[in-house]
N, C-alpha and C. Protein backbone atom coordinates (compact mmCIF):
# COMPACT_ATOMS: atom_id res chain seq x y z
N MET A 1 -0.92 -72.03 -8.57
CA MET A 1 -0.46 -72.22 -9.72
C MET A 1 1.25 -72.48 -8.56
N THR A 2 2.15 -73.22 -8.60
CA THR A 2 3.01 -73.70 -7.26
C THR A 2 3.95 -73.26 -8.76
N GLY A 3 5.55 -72.75 -8.06
CA GLY A 3 6.96 -72.86 -8.37
C GLY A 3 6.86 -74.07 -9.73
N PRO A 4 7.17 -75.64 -8.97
CA PRO A 4 7.03 -76.65 -9.59
C PRO A 4 6.15 -76.47 -11.02
N ALA A 5 5.21 -76.29 -11.05
CA ALA A 5 4.39 -76.02 -12.08
C ALA A 5 4.41 -75.70 -12.88
N MET A 6 4.67 -74.18 -12.92
CA MET A 6 5.45 -72.94 -13.55
C MET A 6 6.74 -73.75 -14.85
N HIS A 7 7.44 -74.04 -13.80
CA HIS A 7 8.63 -74.21 -14.34
C HIS A 7 8.59 -75.78 -15.21
N HIS A 8 7.12 -76.40 -14.16
CA HIS A 8 7.28 -77.53 -15.94
C HIS A 8 6.61 -76.79 -17.52
N LEU A 9 6.19 -75.91 -17.25
CA LEU A 9 4.83 -75.09 -17.63
C LEU A 9 6.67 -74.67 -18.85
N ASP A 10 7.07 -74.06 -18.34
CA ASP A 10 8.34 -73.78 -19.02
C ASP A 10 9.41 -74.40 -19.97
N LEU A 11 9.53 -75.82 -19.37
CA LEU A 11 9.83 -76.85 -19.76
C LEU A 11 9.24 -77.87 -21.19
N GLU A 12 8.31 -77.74 -20.36
CA GLU A 12 7.22 -78.68 -21.56
C GLU A 12 6.81 -77.44 -23.05
N LEU A 13 6.67 -76.38 -21.92
CA LEU A 13 5.87 -75.53 -23.15
C LEU A 13 6.58 -74.08 -23.87
N GLY A 14 7.41 -74.32 -22.92
CA GLY A 14 8.51 -72.91 -23.62
C GLY A 14 7.63 -71.38 -23.40
N SER A 15 6.62 -71.70 -22.85
CA SER A 15 5.82 -70.71 -22.68
C SER A 15 4.33 -70.27 -21.97
N LEU A 16 3.82 -69.33 -21.54
CA LEU A 16 2.48 -68.43 -20.88
C LEU A 16 1.68 -67.86 -21.43
N ASP A 17 0.88 -68.23 -22.46
CA ASP A 17 0.07 -66.94 -22.41
C ASP A 17 -0.92 -66.41 -22.00
N ILE A 18 -1.97 -67.31 -20.95
CA ILE A 18 -2.78 -66.71 -20.06
C ILE A 18 -2.50 -67.31 -18.73
N LEU A 19 -2.26 -66.89 -17.41
CA LEU A 19 -2.95 -66.91 -16.79
C LEU A 19 -4.18 -66.10 -15.95
N VAL A 20 -4.95 -67.23 -15.03
CA VAL A 20 -6.19 -67.02 -14.78
C VAL A 20 -6.32 -67.44 -13.29
N ALA A 21 -6.48 -66.39 -12.23
CA ALA A 21 -5.81 -66.82 -10.85
C ALA A 21 -7.11 -66.28 -10.72
N ASN A 22 -8.30 -67.71 -10.13
CA ASN A 22 -9.27 -67.64 -9.34
C ASN A 22 -9.15 -68.90 -8.31
N ALA A 23 -8.09 -67.63 -7.09
CA ALA A 23 -8.65 -68.65 -6.02
C ALA A 23 -9.14 -68.10 -4.68
N GLY A 24 -9.52 -68.57 -4.23
CA GLY A 24 -10.45 -68.28 -3.31
C GLY A 24 -11.30 -69.05 -2.39
N ILE A 25 -11.09 -68.61 -1.17
CA ILE A 25 -12.43 -69.49 0.26
C ILE A 25 -12.92 -68.24 0.69
N TRP A 26 -14.45 -68.52 0.97
CA TRP A 26 -14.83 -67.62 1.99
C TRP A 26 -15.86 -68.32 3.41
N LYS A 27 -15.05 -67.27 3.83
CA LYS A 27 -15.61 -68.35 5.17
C LYS A 27 -16.57 -66.59 6.24
N GLY A 28 -17.19 -66.97 6.49
CA GLY A 28 -17.66 -65.92 7.43
C GLY A 28 -17.66 -65.50 8.77
N ALA A 29 -16.99 -64.23 9.83
CA ALA A 29 -16.36 -64.23 10.88
C ALA A 29 -16.74 -62.86 11.35
N ALA A 30 -17.15 -62.81 12.55
CA ALA A 30 -17.78 -61.35 13.05
C ALA A 30 -16.25 -60.82 13.48
N ILE A 31 -16.44 -59.65 13.36
CA ILE A 31 -14.05 -58.99 13.30
C ILE A 31 -14.46 -58.97 14.55
N GLU A 32 -14.80 -59.51 15.84
CA GLU A 32 -14.35 -59.29 17.21
C GLU A 32 -13.88 -60.61 17.71
N LYS A 33 -14.43 -61.90 17.04
CA LYS A 33 -14.55 -63.43 16.47
C LYS A 33 -13.85 -63.82 16.30
N MET A 34 -13.03 -63.38 15.03
CA MET A 34 -12.26 -63.07 14.04
C MET A 34 -11.00 -63.68 14.67
N THR A 35 -9.82 -64.82 14.36
CA THR A 35 -8.88 -65.57 15.09
C THR A 35 -7.86 -65.18 13.99
N ASP A 36 -6.54 -64.91 14.64
CA ASP A 36 -5.52 -65.02 13.17
C ASP A 36 -5.34 -65.62 12.66
N ARG A 37 -5.28 -67.14 12.96
CA ARG A 37 -5.66 -68.07 12.38
C ARG A 37 -6.76 -67.90 10.82
N GLN A 38 -8.12 -67.59 11.37
CA GLN A 38 -8.84 -67.54 9.99
C GLN A 38 -8.52 -66.01 8.91
N LEU A 39 -7.73 -64.75 9.80
CA LEU A 39 -7.41 -63.35 9.00
C LEU A 39 -6.22 -64.49 8.08
N SER A 40 -5.70 -65.25 8.63
CA SER A 40 -4.04 -66.00 7.63
C SER A 40 -4.13 -66.70 6.46
N GLU A 41 -5.15 -67.11 6.93
CA GLU A 41 -5.63 -68.20 5.83
C GLU A 41 -6.33 -67.71 4.63
N MET A 42 -6.99 -66.83 5.16
CA MET A 42 -8.33 -65.98 4.28
C MET A 42 -7.04 -65.14 3.08
N LEU A 43 -6.47 -64.55 3.72
CA LEU A 43 -4.91 -64.11 3.02
C LEU A 43 -3.86 -64.65 2.26
N ASP A 44 -3.22 -66.01 2.95
CA ASP A 44 -2.77 -66.74 2.61
C ASP A 44 -3.26 -67.10 0.87
N ILE A 45 -4.82 -67.62 0.61
CA ILE A 45 -4.95 -68.30 -0.33
C ILE A 45 -5.44 -67.38 -0.96
N ASN A 46 -6.35 -66.36 -1.00
CA ASN A 46 -6.49 -65.26 -2.21
C ASN A 46 -6.19 -63.95 -1.81
N VAL A 47 -4.66 -63.72 -1.57
CA VAL A 47 -3.76 -62.83 -1.56
C VAL A 47 -2.54 -63.29 -2.21
N LYS A 48 -2.05 -64.36 -1.46
CA LYS A 48 -1.09 -65.10 -1.46
C LYS A 48 -0.40 -65.29 -2.42
N GLY A 49 -1.36 -66.87 -2.65
CA GLY A 49 -1.90 -67.41 -3.72
C GLY A 49 -1.45 -66.83 -4.92
N VAL A 50 -3.03 -65.82 -5.68
CA VAL A 50 -3.03 -64.86 -6.48
C VAL A 50 -1.67 -64.08 -7.03
N PHE A 51 -0.67 -63.71 -5.77
CA PHE A 51 0.04 -62.86 -5.89
C PHE A 51 1.82 -63.89 -6.23
N SER A 52 1.20 -64.83 -5.75
CA SER A 52 2.63 -65.68 -6.02
C SER A 52 2.51 -66.33 -7.87
N CYS A 53 1.19 -66.63 -8.31
CA CYS A 53 1.18 -66.85 -9.89
C CYS A 53 1.31 -66.14 -10.73
N CYS A 54 1.47 -64.74 -10.40
CA CYS A 54 1.35 -63.26 -10.96
C CYS A 54 3.16 -63.14 -10.62
N ARG A 55 3.26 -63.30 -9.67
CA ARG A 55 4.99 -63.64 -9.62
C ARG A 55 5.80 -64.38 -10.66
N LYS A 56 5.36 -65.99 -10.76
CA LYS A 56 6.02 -66.78 -11.60
C LYS A 56 5.52 -66.82 -12.39
N ALA A 57 4.59 -66.27 -13.15
CA ALA A 57 3.80 -66.10 -14.31
C ALA A 57 4.99 -65.07 -15.47
N VAL A 58 4.94 -63.52 -15.00
CA VAL A 58 5.34 -62.54 -15.47
C VAL A 58 6.43 -63.14 -16.46
N PRO A 59 7.18 -63.94 -16.00
CA PRO A 59 8.74 -64.01 -17.28
C PRO A 59 8.28 -65.15 -17.47
N LEU A 60 7.35 -66.13 -17.68
CA LEU A 60 7.26 -66.84 -18.80
C LEU A 60 6.51 -65.96 -19.43
N MET A 61 5.66 -65.42 -19.61
CA MET A 61 4.81 -64.46 -20.31
C MET A 61 6.17 -63.25 -20.95
N ARG A 62 7.26 -62.57 -20.39
CA ARG A 62 7.99 -62.25 -20.74
C ARG A 62 9.20 -62.84 -22.37
N LYS A 63 8.82 -63.94 -21.94
CA LYS A 63 9.85 -64.56 -22.86
C LYS A 63 9.43 -64.96 -24.01
N SER A 64 8.05 -65.10 -24.06
CA SER A 64 6.72 -65.53 -25.25
C SER A 64 6.31 -64.00 -25.83
N GLY A 65 6.67 -62.88 -25.57
CA GLY A 65 6.26 -61.83 -25.72
C GLY A 65 5.20 -60.92 -25.37
N GLY A 66 5.05 -61.63 -24.34
CA GLY A 66 3.43 -60.83 -23.65
C GLY A 66 2.30 -61.92 -23.38
N GLY A 67 1.30 -62.14 -22.84
CA GLY A 67 0.01 -62.57 -22.33
C GLY A 67 -1.01 -61.59 -22.03
N ARG A 68 -1.39 -62.64 -21.05
CA ARG A 68 -2.53 -62.13 -20.35
C ARG A 68 -2.49 -62.24 -19.26
N ILE A 69 -3.32 -61.60 -18.17
CA ILE A 69 -3.42 -61.91 -16.42
C ILE A 69 -4.81 -61.64 -15.84
N ILE A 70 -5.68 -62.44 -16.15
CA ILE A 70 -6.85 -62.22 -15.31
C ILE A 70 -6.91 -62.82 -14.15
N LEU A 71 -7.72 -61.36 -13.31
CA LEU A 71 -7.65 -62.17 -11.48
C LEU A 71 -8.79 -62.36 -11.30
N VAL A 72 -9.26 -62.94 -10.30
CA VAL A 72 -10.98 -63.35 -10.14
C VAL A 72 -10.57 -62.55 -9.24
N ALA A 73 -11.83 -61.01 -8.93
CA ALA A 73 -12.04 -60.47 -7.41
C ALA A 73 -13.05 -61.10 -7.12
N SER A 74 -13.75 -60.36 -6.52
CA SER A 74 -15.10 -60.53 -6.06
C SER A 74 -16.20 -58.74 -5.94
N THR A 75 -17.53 -58.45 -6.25
CA THR A 75 -17.67 -57.32 -5.94
C THR A 75 -18.44 -57.16 -4.74
N ALA A 76 -17.42 -57.87 -3.61
CA ALA A 76 -16.93 -57.57 -2.17
C ALA A 76 -15.79 -57.00 -2.23
N GLY A 77 -14.88 -56.83 -3.14
CA GLY A 77 -13.80 -56.20 -2.82
C GLY A 77 -13.98 -55.34 -3.27
N GLN A 78 -15.23 -54.34 -3.49
CA GLN A 78 -15.46 -53.09 -4.07
C GLN A 78 -16.90 -52.55 -2.81
N ARG A 79 -17.24 -52.82 -2.98
CA ARG A 79 -18.45 -52.71 -1.07
C ARG A 79 -18.46 -53.60 -0.13
N GLY A 80 -17.55 -54.05 -0.20
CA GLY A 80 -17.56 -54.43 1.73
C GLY A 80 -18.67 -55.99 1.37
N GLU A 81 -18.08 -56.46 2.69
CA GLU A 81 -19.59 -57.25 3.39
C GLU A 81 -19.16 -57.61 4.74
N ALA A 82 -20.54 -57.15 5.13
CA ALA A 82 -20.56 -57.68 6.93
C ALA A 82 -20.43 -58.90 7.21
N PHE A 83 -19.74 -59.25 8.17
CA PHE A 83 -19.10 -60.32 8.58
C PHE A 83 -18.25 -61.60 7.65
N HIS A 84 -17.93 -60.99 6.96
CA HIS A 84 -16.94 -61.74 5.62
C HIS A 84 -15.86 -60.09 5.41
N SER A 85 -14.95 -59.34 6.58
CA SER A 85 -14.32 -58.19 5.84
C SER A 85 -13.32 -58.46 5.87
N HIS A 86 -12.99 -60.11 5.97
CA HIS A 86 -11.54 -60.74 5.78
C HIS A 86 -11.44 -60.98 4.31
N TYR A 87 -12.85 -61.20 4.03
CA TYR A 87 -12.78 -61.67 2.22
C TYR A 87 -12.65 -61.09 1.49
N ALA A 88 -13.17 -59.63 2.04
CA ALA A 88 -13.97 -58.26 1.38
C ALA A 88 -12.54 -57.86 1.20
N ALA A 89 -11.23 -57.77 2.41
CA ALA A 89 -10.58 -57.17 2.31
C ALA A 89 -9.12 -58.03 1.18
N SER A 90 -9.38 -59.20 1.37
CA SER A 90 -8.96 -60.18 0.38
C SER A 90 -8.50 -59.64 -1.51
N LYS A 91 -10.24 -59.41 -1.36
CA LYS A 91 -10.64 -59.24 -3.02
C LYS A 91 -10.17 -57.73 -2.92
N GLY A 92 -10.29 -57.07 -2.38
CA GLY A 92 -9.97 -55.98 -2.82
C GLY A 92 -8.37 -55.57 -2.94
N ALA A 93 -7.54 -56.80 -2.10
CA ALA A 93 -6.27 -56.19 -2.48
C ALA A 93 -6.08 -57.21 -3.91
N VAL A 94 -6.63 -58.08 -4.76
CA VAL A 94 -6.62 -58.42 -5.79
C VAL A 94 -7.16 -57.13 -6.70
N ILE A 95 -7.86 -56.40 -6.58
CA ILE A 95 -8.24 -55.04 -7.40
C ILE A 95 -7.24 -54.55 -7.22
N SER A 96 -6.40 -54.43 -6.20
CA SER A 96 -5.53 -53.12 -6.24
C SER A 96 -4.29 -54.17 -6.95
N LEU A 97 -4.30 -55.60 -6.65
CA LEU A 97 -2.99 -55.77 -7.41
C LEU A 97 -3.05 -55.43 -9.17
N THR A 98 -4.31 -56.09 -9.62
CA THR A 98 -4.65 -55.68 -11.17
C THR A 98 -4.41 -54.22 -11.48
N LYS A 99 -4.56 -53.55 -10.70
CA LYS A 99 -4.60 -51.89 -10.62
C LYS A 99 -2.85 -51.26 -10.68
N SER A 100 -2.30 -52.10 -9.63
CA SER A 100 -1.05 -51.98 -9.97
C SER A 100 -0.33 -52.88 -11.03
N LEU A 101 -0.10 -53.79 -11.15
CA LEU A 101 0.39 -54.68 -12.38
C LEU A 101 0.13 -54.14 -14.32
N ALA A 102 -1.65 -53.58 -14.23
CA ALA A 102 -1.26 -53.26 -15.65
C ALA A 102 -0.55 -52.46 -15.91
N PRO A 103 -0.41 -50.98 -15.44
CA PRO A 103 0.69 -50.18 -15.86
C PRO A 103 1.76 -51.20 -15.62
N GLU A 104 2.22 -51.54 -14.44
CA GLU A 104 4.14 -52.47 -14.91
C GLU A 104 4.53 -53.53 -15.65
N LEU A 105 3.15 -53.97 -16.28
CA LEU A 105 3.26 -55.02 -17.33
C LEU A 105 3.20 -54.57 -18.72
N ALA A 106 2.59 -52.88 -18.71
CA ALA A 106 1.91 -53.30 -19.98
C ALA A 106 3.16 -52.68 -21.34
N ALA A 107 4.63 -52.32 -20.80
CA ALA A 107 5.25 -51.91 -22.01
C ALA A 107 5.93 -53.83 -21.95
N ASP A 108 5.70 -54.99 -21.31
CA ASP A 108 5.52 -55.96 -21.60
C ASP A 108 5.06 -56.56 -22.55
N ASN A 109 3.70 -55.55 -22.84
CA ASN A 109 2.69 -56.24 -23.80
C ASN A 109 1.91 -57.82 -22.69
N ILE A 110 1.90 -57.68 -21.63
CA ILE A 110 0.66 -58.30 -20.92
C ILE A 110 0.07 -57.54 -20.33
N LEU A 111 -1.39 -57.91 -20.53
CA LEU A 111 -2.57 -57.51 -20.02
C LEU A 111 -3.02 -58.05 -19.12
N VAL A 112 -3.02 -56.69 -18.00
CA VAL A 112 -4.05 -57.42 -16.68
C VAL A 112 -5.39 -56.92 -16.72
N ASN A 113 -6.13 -57.84 -16.78
CA ASN A 113 -7.03 -57.49 -16.03
C ASN A 113 -7.66 -58.39 -14.59
N CYS A 114 -9.50 -57.67 -14.46
CA CYS A 114 -10.20 -58.32 -13.17
C CYS A 114 -11.68 -58.85 -13.70
N ILE A 115 -12.02 -59.61 -12.75
CA ILE A 115 -13.08 -60.44 -12.77
C ILE A 115 -13.60 -59.92 -11.41
N ALA A 116 -14.82 -59.15 -11.41
CA ALA A 116 -15.56 -59.19 -9.94
C ALA A 116 -17.11 -59.51 -9.72
N PRO A 117 -16.94 -61.26 -9.47
CA PRO A 117 -18.11 -61.79 -9.61
C PRO A 117 -19.36 -60.79 -8.75
N GLY A 118 -20.29 -60.96 -9.04
CA GLY A 118 -21.30 -61.16 -7.95
C GLY A 118 -21.99 -62.17 -7.64
N MET A 119 -22.81 -62.65 -6.77
CA MET A 119 -23.98 -63.30 -6.21
C MET A 119 -23.81 -64.40 -7.45
N VAL A 120 -22.43 -65.33 -7.57
CA VAL A 120 -23.67 -66.24 -8.42
C VAL A 120 -23.44 -67.20 -7.64
N TYR A 121 -24.38 -68.32 -8.25
CA TYR A 121 -24.50 -69.42 -7.61
C TYR A 121 -23.22 -71.09 -7.91
N THR A 122 -22.63 -70.80 -6.93
CA THR A 122 -21.61 -72.00 -7.37
C THR A 122 -21.68 -73.06 -6.11
N PRO A 123 -20.35 -74.31 -6.29
CA PRO A 123 -20.06 -75.27 -4.92
C PRO A 123 -20.05 -74.46 -3.40
N MET A 124 -19.47 -73.04 -3.94
CA MET A 124 -18.56 -72.68 -2.97
C MET A 124 -20.02 -71.61 -2.09
N VAL A 125 -20.70 -71.23 -2.93
CA VAL A 125 -22.08 -71.05 -2.39
C VAL A 125 -22.81 -72.16 -1.64
N SER A 126 -23.65 -72.91 -3.13
CA SER A 126 -24.46 -73.89 -2.25
C SER A 126 -23.74 -75.11 -1.00
N THR A 127 -22.65 -75.02 -1.10
CA THR A 127 -22.38 -75.94 0.12
C THR A 127 -22.55 -75.39 1.20
N ARG A 128 -22.81 -74.15 1.64
CA ARG A 128 -22.96 -73.27 2.61
C ARG A 128 -24.46 -73.61 2.85
N GLY A 129 -25.04 -74.34 2.61
CA GLY A 129 -26.47 -74.80 3.00
C GLY A 129 -28.13 -72.94 2.45
N MET A 130 -27.63 -72.73 1.55
CA MET A 130 -28.57 -71.36 0.83
C MET A 130 -29.62 -72.47 0.84
N SER A 131 -30.98 -71.33 1.32
CA SER A 131 -32.17 -71.74 1.08
C SER A 131 -32.61 -71.16 -0.47
N ASP A 132 -33.84 -72.30 -0.87
CA ASP A 132 -34.69 -71.77 -2.10
C ASP A 132 -34.62 -70.10 -2.02
N THR A 133 -35.46 -70.04 -0.64
CA THR A 133 -35.83 -68.16 -0.62
C THR A 133 -34.57 -66.68 -1.00
N LEU A 134 -33.85 -67.30 -0.28
CA LEU A 134 -32.21 -67.10 -0.26
C LEU A 134 -31.89 -66.68 -2.18
N ARG A 135 -32.13 -67.75 -2.65
CA ARG A 135 -31.55 -67.85 -3.51
C ARG A 135 -32.54 -67.09 -4.33
N GLU A 136 -33.48 -67.13 -4.49
CA GLU A 136 -34.90 -66.43 -5.08
C GLU A 136 -34.32 -64.66 -4.65
N ALA A 137 -34.15 -64.85 -3.37
CA ALA A 137 -34.49 -62.98 -3.68
C ALA A 137 -32.64 -62.18 -3.99
N ARG A 138 -32.18 -63.60 -4.05
CA ARG A 138 -30.84 -63.06 -4.78
C ARG A 138 -30.78 -62.99 -6.53
N ARG A 139 -31.74 -63.31 -7.16
CA ARG A 139 -32.14 -64.05 -8.22
C ARG A 139 -33.15 -62.53 -8.69
N LEU A 140 -33.66 -62.10 -7.98
CA LEU A 140 -34.57 -60.90 -7.53
C LEU A 140 -33.64 -59.34 -7.84
N GLY A 141 -32.71 -59.90 -6.98
CA GLY A 141 -31.91 -58.38 -6.55
C GLY A 141 -31.51 -57.85 -8.02
N ALA A 142 -31.37 -57.90 -9.18
CA ALA A 142 -30.63 -57.11 -9.85
C ALA A 142 -31.46 -57.65 -10.82
N PRO A 143 -30.94 -56.26 -11.87
CA PRO A 143 -32.04 -56.10 -13.06
C PRO A 143 -32.22 -56.94 -14.14
N LEU A 144 -30.92 -58.07 -14.36
CA LEU A 144 -31.44 -59.11 -15.60
C LEU A 144 -32.24 -59.76 -14.32
N GLN A 145 -32.26 -60.35 -13.41
CA GLN A 145 -33.66 -61.39 -12.21
C GLN A 145 -32.68 -62.24 -12.84
N THR A 146 -31.97 -62.64 -12.90
CA THR A 146 -31.37 -64.22 -13.62
C THR A 146 -30.44 -64.53 -12.51
N GLU A 147 -29.93 -65.75 -12.70
CA GLU A 147 -29.12 -66.24 -11.68
C GLU A 147 -27.67 -66.43 -12.36
N GLY A 148 -26.64 -66.25 -11.99
CA GLY A 148 -25.50 -66.27 -12.25
C GLY A 148 -24.82 -67.56 -12.18
N THR A 149 -23.45 -68.17 -12.67
CA THR A 149 -23.41 -69.30 -13.00
C THR A 149 -21.48 -69.70 -12.96
N GLY A 150 -20.23 -70.26 -12.53
CA GLY A 150 -19.61 -69.98 -13.08
C GLY A 150 -19.22 -69.86 -14.52
N TRP A 151 -20.29 -69.95 -15.57
CA TRP A 151 -20.12 -70.23 -16.82
C TRP A 151 -20.36 -68.78 -17.12
N ASP A 152 -21.25 -67.91 -16.77
CA ASP A 152 -20.80 -66.32 -16.89
C ASP A 152 -19.75 -65.72 -16.53
N ILE A 153 -18.86 -66.16 -15.21
CA ILE A 153 -17.36 -66.31 -15.27
C ILE A 153 -17.14 -66.66 -16.12
N GLY A 154 -17.16 -67.48 -16.49
CA GLY A 154 -15.80 -68.15 -17.22
C GLY A 154 -15.68 -67.52 -18.85
N GLU A 155 -17.22 -67.22 -19.55
CA GLU A 155 -16.96 -66.85 -20.49
C GLU A 155 -16.71 -64.62 -20.70
N ALA A 156 -17.01 -64.69 -18.96
CA ALA A 156 -16.36 -63.15 -19.06
C ALA A 156 -14.40 -63.58 -19.03
N VAL A 157 -13.94 -64.13 -18.50
CA VAL A 157 -12.99 -64.70 -19.03
C VAL A 157 -12.42 -64.62 -20.35
N VAL A 158 -12.70 -65.81 -20.68
CA VAL A 158 -12.54 -66.12 -22.25
C VAL A 158 -12.54 -64.37 -23.01
N PHE A 159 -13.66 -64.17 -22.43
CA PHE A 159 -13.68 -62.65 -24.04
C PHE A 159 -12.04 -61.70 -23.26
N LEU A 160 -11.55 -61.97 -22.03
CA LEU A 160 -10.74 -60.79 -21.67
C LEU A 160 -9.28 -61.49 -21.62
N ALA A 161 -9.35 -62.88 -22.19
CA ALA A 161 -8.03 -63.98 -22.25
C ALA A 161 -8.30 -63.18 -24.58
N SER A 162 -9.11 -62.94 -25.13
CA SER A 162 -8.71 -63.11 -26.41
C SER A 162 -8.51 -61.38 -27.18
N ASP A 163 -8.71 -62.26 -28.82
CA ASP A 163 -8.00 -60.65 -29.24
C ASP A 163 -9.07 -59.04 -29.38
N ALA A 164 -10.14 -59.51 -28.65
CA ALA A 164 -11.24 -58.62 -29.03
C ALA A 164 -10.78 -57.77 -28.01
N ALA A 165 -10.15 -58.08 -26.79
CA ALA A 165 -10.18 -57.02 -25.49
C ALA A 165 -8.15 -57.04 -25.48
N ARG A 166 -8.13 -56.72 -26.60
CA ARG A 166 -6.13 -56.37 -26.50
C ARG A 166 -6.03 -54.82 -26.13
N TRP A 167 -6.90 -54.04 -26.11
CA TRP A 167 -7.13 -52.70 -25.89
C TRP A 167 -7.00 -52.56 -24.14
N ILE A 168 -7.78 -53.33 -23.89
CA ILE A 168 -7.97 -53.20 -22.27
C ILE A 168 -7.21 -53.75 -21.24
N THR A 169 -6.83 -53.19 -20.52
CA THR A 169 -5.85 -53.74 -19.51
C THR A 169 -6.04 -52.19 -18.07
N GLY A 170 -5.97 -52.91 -17.23
CA GLY A 170 -6.38 -52.50 -15.68
C GLY A 170 -7.96 -52.22 -14.87
N VAL A 171 -8.61 -52.92 -15.87
CA VAL A 171 -10.02 -53.02 -15.85
C VAL A 171 -10.90 -54.08 -14.90
N VAL A 172 -11.51 -53.65 -14.54
CA VAL A 172 -12.47 -54.55 -13.07
C VAL A 172 -13.66 -54.70 -13.68
N LEU A 173 -13.56 -55.84 -14.41
CA LEU A 173 -15.49 -56.39 -14.97
C LEU A 173 -16.12 -56.67 -14.22
N PRO A 174 -16.79 -56.26 -13.32
CA PRO A 174 -18.42 -56.59 -12.37
C PRO A 174 -19.03 -57.82 -13.32
N VAL A 175 -19.13 -58.43 -12.93
CA VAL A 175 -20.39 -59.73 -13.95
C VAL A 175 -21.36 -59.83 -13.04
N VAL A 176 -22.36 -58.99 -12.75
CA VAL A 176 -23.36 -59.54 -11.37
C VAL A 176 -24.64 -59.05 -11.96
N ALA A 177 -24.68 -59.30 -13.61
CA ALA A 177 -26.61 -59.46 -13.43
C ALA A 177 -27.21 -57.72 -13.58
N GLY A 178 -26.08 -56.47 -13.55
CA GLY A 178 -26.58 -55.41 -13.32
C GLY A 178 -27.09 -54.89 -12.27
N ALA A 179 -26.49 -55.76 -11.58
CA ALA A 179 -26.45 -55.51 -10.03
C ALA A 179 -25.87 -54.13 -9.74
N THR A 180 -24.81 -53.90 -10.17
CA THR A 180 -24.14 -52.70 -9.68
C THR A 180 -24.12 -51.05 -10.38
N ALA A 181 -25.43 -51.65 -11.47
CA ALA A 181 -26.00 -50.25 -12.28
C ALA A 181 -27.57 -49.84 -11.74
N GLY A 182 -27.27 -50.17 -10.81
CA GLY A 182 -29.22 -49.77 -9.97
C GLY A 182 -29.90 -51.03 -9.87
N LEU A 183 -31.01 -50.88 -9.39
CA LEU A 183 -32.43 -51.50 -9.63
C LEU A 183 -33.01 -51.28 -10.64
N GLY A 184 -32.80 -51.12 -11.04
CA GLY A 184 -33.76 -50.68 -12.59
C GLY A 184 -35.18 -49.47 -12.97
N MET A 185 -36.23 -49.18 -13.41
CA MET A 185 -36.98 -48.73 -13.26
C MET A 185 -37.72 -48.94 -12.19
N VAL A 186 -38.00 -47.86 -11.42
CA VAL A 186 -38.51 -47.50 -10.45
C VAL A 186 -40.14 -47.73 -10.61
N PRO A 187 -41.33 -47.55 -10.46
CA PRO A 187 -42.68 -47.28 -10.85
C PRO A 187 -43.05 -46.10 -10.10
N VAL A 188 -43.47 -45.31 -11.18
CA VAL A 188 -43.77 -43.59 -10.18
C VAL A 188 -45.09 -43.45 -10.73
N PRO A 189 -46.07 -42.81 -10.04
CA PRO A 189 -47.59 -42.46 -10.71
C PRO A 189 -46.68 -41.36 -11.66
N ALA A 190 -47.96 -41.29 -12.86
CA ALA A 190 -48.11 -40.39 -13.99
C ALA A 190 -47.92 -38.65 -13.48
N SER A 191 -46.60 -37.68 -13.61
CA SER A 191 -47.29 -36.71 -13.31
C SER A 191 -48.15 -36.09 -14.21
N SER A 192 -48.32 -34.72 -13.56
CA SER A 192 -49.67 -33.74 -14.39
C SER A 192 -49.38 -33.30 -15.59
N ALA A 193 -47.85 -33.16 -15.60
CA ALA A 193 -47.16 -32.70 -16.72
C ALA A 193 -47.39 -33.65 -18.16
N SER A 194 -46.96 -35.09 -17.74
CA SER A 194 -46.76 -35.99 -19.02
C SER A 194 -48.47 -36.99 -19.58
N ALA A 195 -49.74 -36.04 -18.55
CA ALA A 195 -50.30 -36.90 -19.08
C ALA A 195 -51.21 -35.68 -20.13
N THR A 196 -50.58 -34.39 -20.82
CA THR A 196 -50.78 -33.42 -21.48
C THR A 196 -50.39 -33.65 -23.00
């Protein structure tokens, strides 16, 4: 959201209660082949865009006595991502921004949290020509063995924007079908001790 858009909100509505900063592009590049232009584009959209929205939203939220800022990062910002190092670094920056703004804005009753989606199936992913085989492998790679969509991320955003999350700030919520919890139970042969 640009400065003029925020100004319009201030004039028309007088306040801003919730900001969801969901800016992002995802393009691959090996580190030795990555151009300065590719790096700048990634950082301009994924980091500067989010930072700019927060900077412009905070005065409006202070004016109305508080609010919710929900940033959308990625699990790539926590674990890294080969051939997408600039993407992972940009999403790591969004996570750090969350952790920095939460204590900075707490006294103003502005709660700042972050959603870290895993490998959900979105237009950004589908337009890259994902095969059915890879899609199935991604689905089976998490304990819930279901494919996430934008709706799953949206539900997490709704929760963090609701009164049910009134005591939550500075949190990075992974929405990943359990992928960060491990791969579940691995079958093992019964031991002699358990046979008795």
